[in-house]
């Protein structure tokens, strides 16, 4: 029976449960906690393989692109199963890939924002009201469906040092000058717990390939 559910929205709680089930089913998989968000949700990574070449995949920087979390979890499950059964994946022997490379995956970079979009954060809660008040500054963006940021109103995908000043100039010129549903770069690069943790993780891994999945 498949571990990853594809018939329901991928909440942060379901993501964490799924990671634990993958690691529990396939002992050669490992998970690690990268950080905890401002609202207490964990951000986990999954590790598969033990080769010298590091690869890093991330998903759901943007809250309303939560389907990318499902994509990455499904890949992790199918890759692990192919290793155990000594099968191919995408035309290559999975065990050979795991021997040559170590694949690190962060399936949900923005769990706070995802829970808002998929309805796991209910109206009337403190978190929901914080987001709702921020959204009032940008009435043209549908709430909560158009939410991309974390619950502090910072767009995590615009938080990295490379090109941050240019991104700020562009987004400010478009009117995104304060925390809100999307496109606010934050007061400084890496001033959010999620991006600071992921940037540090990337520096430690020194991967040959980094892919951030978006929809």
C-alpha atoms as a PDB file:
ATOM      1  CA  UNK A   1       0.000   0.000   0.000  1.00  0.00           C
ATOM      2  CA  UNK A   2       1.461   3.416  -0.959  1.00  0.00           C
ATOM      3  CA  UNK A   3       2.694   5.622   1.862  1.00  0.00           C
ATOM      4  CA  UNK A   4       2.189   9.003   0.209  1.00  0.00           C
ATOM      5  CA  UNK A   5      -1.455  10.040  -0.021  1.00  0.00           C
ATOM      6  CA  UNK A   6      -2.408  11.804  -3.222  1.00  0.00           C
ATOM      7  CA  UNK A   7      -6.137  12.165  -2.516  1.00  0.00           C
ATOM      8  CA  UNK A   8      -5.971  14.921   0.111  1.00  0.00           C
ATOM      9  CA  UNK A   9      -4.152  18.264   0.493  1.00  0.00           C
ATOM     10  CA  UNK A  10      -0.634  17.931   1.903  1.00  0.00           C
ATOM     11  CA  UNK A  11      -0.747  19.613   5.312  1.00  0.00           C
ATOM     12  CA  UNK A  12       2.370  20.055   7.422  1.00  0.00           C
ATOM     13  CA  UNK A  13       1.178  17.370   9.852  1.00  0.00           C
ATOM     14  CA  UNK A  14       0.582  14.907   7.007  1.00  0.00           C
ATOM     15  CA  UNK A  15       3.974  15.759   5.521  1.00  0.00           C
ATOM     16  CA  UNK A  16       5.721  15.022   8.819  1.00  0.00           C
ATOM     17  CA  UNK A  17       3.754  11.799   9.289  1.00  0.00           C
ATOM     18  CA  UNK A  18       4.641  10.725   5.762  1.00  0.00           C
ATOM     19  CA  UNK A  19       8.339  11.386   6.301  1.00  0.00           C
ATOM     20  CA  UNK A  20       8.283   9.269   9.466  1.00  0.00           C
ATOM     21  CA  UNK A  21       6.528   6.431   7.625  1.00  0.00           C
ATOM     22  CA  UNK A  22       9.029   6.496   4.761  1.00  0.00           C
ATOM     23  CA  UNK A  23      11.950   6.411   7.187  1.00  0.00           C
ATOM     24  CA  UNK A  24      10.270   3.677   9.229  1.00  0.00           C
ATOM     25  CA  UNK A  25       9.581   1.539   6.166  1.00  0.00           C
ATOM     26  CA  UNK A  26      12.991   1.966   4.555  1.00  0.00           C
ATOM     27  CA  UNK A  27      15.754   1.866   7.189  1.00  0.00           C
ATOM     28  CA  UNK A  28      18.362   3.185   4.753  1.00  0.00           C
ATOM     29  CA  UNK A  29      16.453   6.485   4.646  1.00  0.00           C
ATOM     30  CA  UNK A  30      17.132   9.129   7.276  1.00  0.00           C
ATOM     31  CA  UNK A  31      15.337  12.262   8.405  1.00  0.00           C
ATOM     32  CA  UNK A  32      16.657  15.295  10.241  1.00  0.00           C
ATOM     33  CA  UNK A  33      15.168  18.451  11.679  1.00  0.00           C
ATOM     34  CA  UNK A  34      16.480  21.621  10.041  1.00  0.00           C
ATOM     35  CA  UNK A  35      14.561  24.183  12.065  1.00  0.00           C
ATOM     36  CA  UNK A  36      11.267  25.043  13.677  1.00  0.00           C
ATOM     37  CA  UNK A  37       9.229  27.924  12.275  1.00  0.00           C
ATOM     38  CA  UNK A  38       8.122  31.027  14.164  1.00  0.00           C
ATOM     39  CA  UNK A  39       4.823  29.242  14.801  1.00  0.00           C
ATOM     40  CA  UNK A  40       6.357  25.993  15.974  1.00  0.00           C
ATOM     41  CA  UNK A  41       6.143  23.780  12.901  1.00  0.00           C
ATOM     42  CA  UNK A  42       9.166  21.622  12.104  1.00  0.00           C
ATOM     43  CA  UNK A  43      10.986  21.666   8.777  1.00  0.00           C
ATOM     44  CA  UNK A  44      12.426  18.234   8.018  1.00  0.00           C
ATOM     45  CA  UNK A  45      14.847  16.852   5.458  1.00  0.00           C
ATOM     46  CA  UNK A  46      15.019  13.294   4.106  1.00  0.00           C
ATOM     47  CA  UNK A  47      18.308  11.684   3.093  1.00  0.00           C
ATOM     48  CA  UNK A  48      18.602   8.742   0.685  1.00  0.00           C
ATOM     49  CA  UNK A  49      21.877   7.278  -0.542  1.00  0.00           C
ATOM     50  CA  UNK A  50      25.476   7.402   0.623  1.00  0.00           C
ATOM     51  CA  UNK A  51      27.418   8.421  -2.459  1.00  0.00           C
ATOM     52  CA  UNK A  52      29.969  11.208  -2.674  1.00  0.00           C
ATOM     53  CA  UNK A  53      27.899  13.488  -4.911  1.00  0.00           C
ATOM     54  CA  UNK A  54      25.357  15.498  -2.922  1.00  0.00           C
ATOM     55  CA  UNK A  55      22.077  16.619  -4.477  1.00  0.00           C
ATOM     56  CA  UNK A  56      19.502  18.841  -2.778  1.00  0.00           C
ATOM     57  CA  UNK A  57      15.820  19.028  -3.732  1.00  0.00           C
ATOM     58  CA  UNK A  58      13.409  21.411  -2.002  1.00  0.00           C
ATOM     59  CA  UNK A  59       9.673  22.025  -2.335  1.00  0.00           C
ATOM     60  CA  UNK A  60       6.918  24.361  -1.142  1.00  0.00           C
ATOM     61  CA  UNK A  61       8.869  27.557  -0.685  1.00  0.00           C
ATOM     62  CA  UNK A  62       5.546  29.064  -1.727  1.00  0.00           C
ATOM     63  CA  UNK A  63       2.495  28.118   0.315  1.00  0.00           C
ATOM     64  CA  UNK A  64       0.019  27.823  -2.540  1.00  0.00           C
ATOM     65  CA  UNK A  65       2.441  25.564  -4.405  1.00  0.00           C
ATOM     66  CA  UNK A  66       2.038  22.847  -1.762  1.00  0.00           C
ATOM     67  CA  UNK A  67       1.530  20.213  -4.452  1.00  0.00           C
ATOM     68  CA  UNK A  68       5.311  20.220  -4.923  1.00  0.00           C
ATOM     69  CA  UNK A  69       5.622  18.690  -1.439  1.00  0.00           C
ATOM     70  CA  UNK A  70       3.534  15.777  -2.578  1.00  0.00           C
ATOM     71  CA  UNK A  71       5.712  15.439  -5.681  1.00  0.00           C
ATOM     72  CA  UNK A  72       8.925  15.262  -3.670  1.00  0.00           C
ATOM     73  CA  UNK A  73       7.528  12.852  -1.074  1.00  0.00           C
ATOM     74  CA  UNK A  74       6.246  10.572  -3.829  1.00  0.00           C
ATOM     75  CA  UNK A  75       9.659  10.600  -5.462  1.00  0.00           C
ATOM     76  CA  UNK A  76      11.296   9.714  -2.152  1.00  0.00           C
ATOM     77  CA  UNK A  77       8.926   6.782  -1.665  1.00  0.00           C
ATOM     78  CA  UNK A  78       9.337   5.448  -5.199  1.00  0.00           C
ATOM     79  CA  UNK A  79      13.118   5.858  -5.102  1.00  0.00           C
ATOM     80  CA  UNK A  80      13.372   4.046  -1.758  1.00  0.00           C
ATOM     81  CA  UNK A  81      11.146   1.218  -2.955  1.00  0.00           C
ATOM     82  CA  UNK A  82      13.203   0.825  -6.117  1.00  0.00           C
ATOM     83  CA  UNK A  83      16.391   0.567  -4.042  1.00  0.00           C
ATOM     84  CA  UNK A  84      14.917  -2.108  -1.785  1.00  0.00           C
ATOM     85  CA  UNK A  85      13.553  -4.111  -4.726  1.00  0.00           C
ATOM     86  CA  UNK A  86      16.727  -3.637  -6.803  1.00  0.00           C
ATOM     87  CA  UNK A  87      14.742  -2.049  -9.623  1.00  0.00           C
ATOM     88  CA  UNK A  88      15.294   0.785 -12.023  1.00  0.00           C
ATOM     89  CA  UNK A  89      13.890   4.263 -11.643  1.00  0.00           C
ATOM     90  CA  UNK A  90      13.713   6.470 -14.731  1.00  0.00           C
ATOM     91  CA  UNK A  91      15.835   3.963 -16.626  1.00  0.00           C
ATOM     92  CA  UNK A  92      18.639   3.758 -14.061  1.00  0.00           C
ATOM     93  CA  UNK A  93      19.306   1.202 -11.356  1.00  0.00           C
ATOM     94  CA  UNK A  94      18.197   2.863  -8.126  1.00  0.00           C
ATOM     95  CA  UNK A  95      20.852   1.168  -6.006  1.00  0.00           C
ATOM     96  CA  UNK A  96      23.571   2.432  -8.329  1.00  0.00           C
ATOM     97  CA  UNK A  97      22.258   5.977  -7.977  1.00  0.00           C
ATOM     98  CA  UNK A  98      22.234   5.657  -4.182  1.00  0.00           C
ATOM     99  CA  UNK A  99      25.818   4.367  -4.260  1.00  0.00           C
ATOM    100  CA  UNK A 100      27.016   7.251  -6.414  1.00  0.00           C
ATOM    101  CA  UNK A 101      25.048  10.101  -4.863  1.00  0.00           C
ATOM    102  CA  UNK A 102      23.340  11.198  -1.681  1.00  0.00           C
ATOM    103  CA  UNK A 103      19.987  12.835  -2.303  1.00  0.00           C
ATOM    104  CA  UNK A 104      18.714  15.271   0.307  1.00  0.00           C
ATOM    105  CA  UNK A 105      15.098  16.426   0.144  1.00  0.00           C
ATOM    106  CA  UNK A 106      13.260  19.158   2.048  1.00  0.00           C
ATOM    107  CA  UNK A 107       9.641  18.469   1.090  1.00  0.00           C
ATOM    108  CA  UNK A 108       8.034  21.466   2.815  1.00  0.00           C
ATOM    109  CA  UNK A 109      10.136  24.590   3.337  1.00  0.00           C
ATOM    110  CA  UNK A 110       7.095  26.699   4.301  1.00  0.00           C
ATOM    111  CA  UNK A 111       4.793  24.612   6.542  1.00  0.00           C
ATOM    112  CA  UNK A 112       3.157  27.640   8.192  1.00  0.00           C
ATOM    113  CA  UNK A 113       2.036  29.077   4.887  1.00  0.00           C
ATOM    114  CA  UNK A 114       0.963  25.712   3.495  1.00  0.00           C
ATOM    115  CA  UNK A 115      -1.343  25.037   6.446  1.00  0.00           C
ATOM    116  CA  UNK A 116      -3.017  28.403   5.875  1.00  0.00           C
ATOM    117  CA  UNK A 117      -3.683  27.714   2.201  1.00  0.00           C
ATOM    118  CA  UNK A 118      -4.945  24.138   2.557  1.00  0.00           C
ATOM    119  CA  UNK A 119      -7.254  24.952   5.470  1.00  0.00           C
ATOM    120  CA  UNK A 120      -5.340  23.312   8.309  1.00  0.00           C
ATOM    121  CA  UNK A 121      -5.148  26.737   9.983  1.00  0.00           C
ATOM    122  CA  UNK A 122      -8.751  27.558  10.746  1.00  0.00           C
ATOM    123  CA  UNK A 123     -10.474  30.964  10.731  1.00  0.00           C
ATOM    124  CA  UNK A 124     -10.556  32.538  14.172  1.00  0.00           C
ATOM    125  CA  UNK A 125      -7.192  31.171  15.265  1.00  0.00           C
ATOM    126  CA  UNK A 126      -4.385  33.578  16.108  1.00  0.00           C
ATOM    127  CA  UNK A 127      -2.342  32.447  13.110  1.00  0.00           C
ATOM    128  CA  UNK A 128      -5.235  32.875  10.702  1.00  0.00           C
ATOM    129  CA  UNK A 129      -6.038  36.347  11.997  1.00  0.00           C
ATOM    130  CA  UNK A 130      -2.405  37.449  11.718  1.00  0.00           C
ATOM    131  CA  UNK A 131      -2.384  36.400   8.072  1.00  0.00           C
ATOM    132  CA  UNK A 132      -5.786  37.922   7.387  1.00  0.00           C
ATOM    133  CA  UNK A 133      -4.689  41.296   8.741  1.00  0.00           C
ATOM    134  CA  UNK A 134      -1.551  41.235   6.598  1.00  0.00           C
ATOM    135  CA  UNK A 135      -3.624  40.344   3.553  1.00  0.00           C
ATOM    136  CA  UNK A 136      -5.760  43.461   4.034  1.00  0.00           C
ATOM    137  CA  UNK A 137      -2.785  45.516   2.823  1.00  0.00           C
ATOM    138  CA  UNK A 138      -3.049  43.726  -0.531  1.00  0.00           C
ATOM    139  CA  UNK A 139      -6.784  43.390  -1.249  1.00  0.00           C
ATOM    140  CA  UNK A 140      -6.248  42.393  -4.896  1.00  0.00           C
ATOM    141  CA  UNK A 141      -4.672  39.079  -3.813  1.00  0.00           C
ATOM    142  CA  UNK A 142      -7.244  36.379  -2.966  1.00  0.00           C
ATOM    143  CA  UNK A 143      -7.118  35.235   0.657  1.00  0.00           C
ATOM    144  CA  UNK A 144      -6.050  32.635   1.570  1.00  0.00           C
ATOM    145  CA  UNK A 145      -5.757  31.005  -1.880  1.00  0.00           C
ATOM    146  CA  UNK A 146      -3.214  33.530  -3.144  1.00  0.00           C
ATOM    147  CA  UNK A 147      -0.938  33.232  -0.120  1.00  0.00           C
ATOM    148  CA  UNK A 148       2.678  32.378  -0.981  1.00  0.00           C
ATOM    149  CA  UNK A 149       4.634  33.767   1.985  1.00  0.00           C
ATOM    150  CA  UNK A 150       5.246  32.365   5.437  1.00  0.00           C
ATOM    151  CA  UNK A 151       2.909  33.543   8.193  1.00  0.00           C
ATOM    152  CA  UNK A 152       5.137  36.503   8.957  1.00  0.00           C
ATOM    153  CA  UNK A 153       4.344  37.744   5.470  1.00  0.00           C
ATOM    154  CA  UNK A 154       7.793  37.161   3.963  1.00  0.00           C
ATOM    155  CA  UNK A 155       8.219  35.466   0.576  1.00  0.00           C
ATOM    156  CA  UNK A 156      10.808  32.797   1.371  1.00  0.00           C
ATOM    157  CA  UNK A 157      11.801  32.354  -2.254  1.00  0.00           C
ATOM    158  CA  UNK A 158      13.043  35.969  -2.294  1.00  0.00           C
ATOM    159  CA  UNK A 159      15.050  35.676   0.919  1.00  0.00           C
ATOM    160  CA  UNK A 160      18.388  34.411  -0.357  1.00  0.00           C
ATOM    161  CA  UNK A 161      21.441  36.677  -0.643  1.00  0.00           C
ATOM    162  CA  UNK A 162      21.995  36.155  -4.378  1.00  0.00           C
ATOM    163  CA  UNK A 163      20.168  38.967  -6.141  1.00  0.00           C
ATOM    164  CA  UNK A 164      18.341  40.093  -3.003  1.00  0.00           C
ATOM    165  CA  UNK A 165      18.959  43.821  -3.557  1.00  0.00           C
ATOM    166  CA  UNK A 166      17.734  43.549  -7.125  1.00  0.00           C
ATOM    167  CA  UNK A 167      14.677  41.593  -5.990  1.00  0.00           C
ATOM    168  CA  UNK A 168      13.906  44.266  -3.385  1.00  0.00           C
ATOM    169  CA  UNK A 169      14.145  47.007  -5.981  1.00  0.00           C
ATOM    170  CA  UNK A 170      11.827  45.154  -8.351  1.00  0.00           C
ATOM    171  CA  UNK A 171       9.254  44.138  -5.753  1.00  0.00           C
ATOM    172  CA  UNK A 172       9.208  47.534  -4.061  1.00  0.00           C
ATOM    173  CA  UNK A 173       8.574  49.145  -7.449  1.00  0.00           C
ATOM    174  CA  UNK A 174       5.592  46.805  -7.806  1.00  0.00           C
ATOM    175  CA  UNK A 175       4.196  47.902  -4.444  1.00  0.00           C
ATOM    176  CA  UNK A 176       5.249  44.958  -2.278  1.00  0.00           C
ATOM    177  CA  UNK A 177       6.884  47.049   0.434  1.00  0.00           C
ATOM    178  CA  UNK A 178       5.544  45.420   3.602  1.00  0.00           C
ATOM    179  CA  UNK A 179       4.707  41.932   4.891  1.00  0.00           C
ATOM    180  CA  UNK A 180       1.829  40.328   3.057  1.00  0.00           C
ATOM    181  CA  UNK A 181       0.652  37.320   1.052  1.00  0.00           C
ATOM    182  CA  UNK A 182       3.500  37.356  -1.482  1.00  0.00           C
ATOM    183  CA  UNK A 183       6.536  39.106  -2.963  1.00  0.00           C
ATOM    184  CA  UNK A 184       7.793  40.883   0.182  1.00  0.00           C
ATOM    185  CA  UNK A 185      11.533  40.179   0.376  1.00  0.00           C
ATOM    186  CA  UNK A 186      11.919  40.819   4.101  1.00  0.00           C
ATOM    187  CA  UNK A 187      14.065  43.400   5.865  1.00  0.00           C
ATOM    188  CA  UNK A 188      17.291  41.561   5.058  1.00  0.00           C
ATOM    189  CA  UNK A 189      18.443  38.335   3.383  1.00  0.00           C
ATOM    190  CA  UNK A 190      18.029  35.206   5.492  1.00  0.00           C
ATOM    191  CA  UNK A 191      16.181  36.951   8.312  1.00  0.00           C
ATOM    192  CA  UNK A 192      13.591  34.164   8.410  1.00  0.00           C
ATOM    193  CA  UNK A 193      14.159  30.926  10.302  1.00  0.00           C
ATOM    194  CA  UNK A 194      13.275  28.752   7.308  1.00  0.00           C
ATOM    195  CA  UNK A 195      15.634  30.379   4.823  1.00  0.00           C
ATOM    196  CA  UNK A 196      18.461  30.744   7.322  1.00  0.00           C
ATOM    197  CA  UNK A 197      18.285  27.027   8.102  1.00  0.00           C
ATOM    198  CA  UNK A 198      18.091  25.982   4.465  1.00  0.00           C
ATOM    199  CA  UNK A 199      20.963  28.242   3.419  1.00  0.00           C
ATOM    200  CA  UNK A 200      23.128  26.857   6.227  1.00  0.00           C
ATOM    201  CA  UNK A 201      22.171  23.306   5.289  1.00  0.00           C
ATOM    202  CA  UNK A 202      23.122  23.980   1.680  1.00  0.00           C
ATOM    203  CA  UNK A 203      26.504  25.364   2.685  1.00  0.00           C
ATOM    204  CA  UNK A 204      27.235  22.283   4.781  1.00  0.00           C
ATOM    205  CA  UNK A 205      26.176  19.860   2.042  1.00  0.00           C
ATOM    206  CA  UNK A 206      27.959  21.776  -0.742  1.00  0.00           C
ATOM    207  CA  UNK A 207      25.757  20.017  -3.315  1.00  0.00           C
ATOM    208  CA  UNK A 208      26.600  19.613  -6.979  1.00  0.00           C
ATOM    209  CA  UNK A 209      22.976  20.183  -7.886  1.00  0.00           C
ATOM    210  CA  UNK A 210      20.191  22.160  -6.209  1.00  0.00           C
ATOM    211  CA  UNK A 211      16.600  22.125  -7.477  1.00  0.00           C
ATOM    212  CA  UNK A 212      13.752  24.062  -5.869  1.00  0.00           C
ATOM    213  CA  UNK A 213      10.433  22.776  -7.166  1.00  0.00           C
ATOM    214  CA  UNK A 214       7.691  25.279  -7.991  1.00  0.00           C
ATOM    215  CA  UNK A 215       4.319  24.979  -9.638  1.00  0.00           C
END
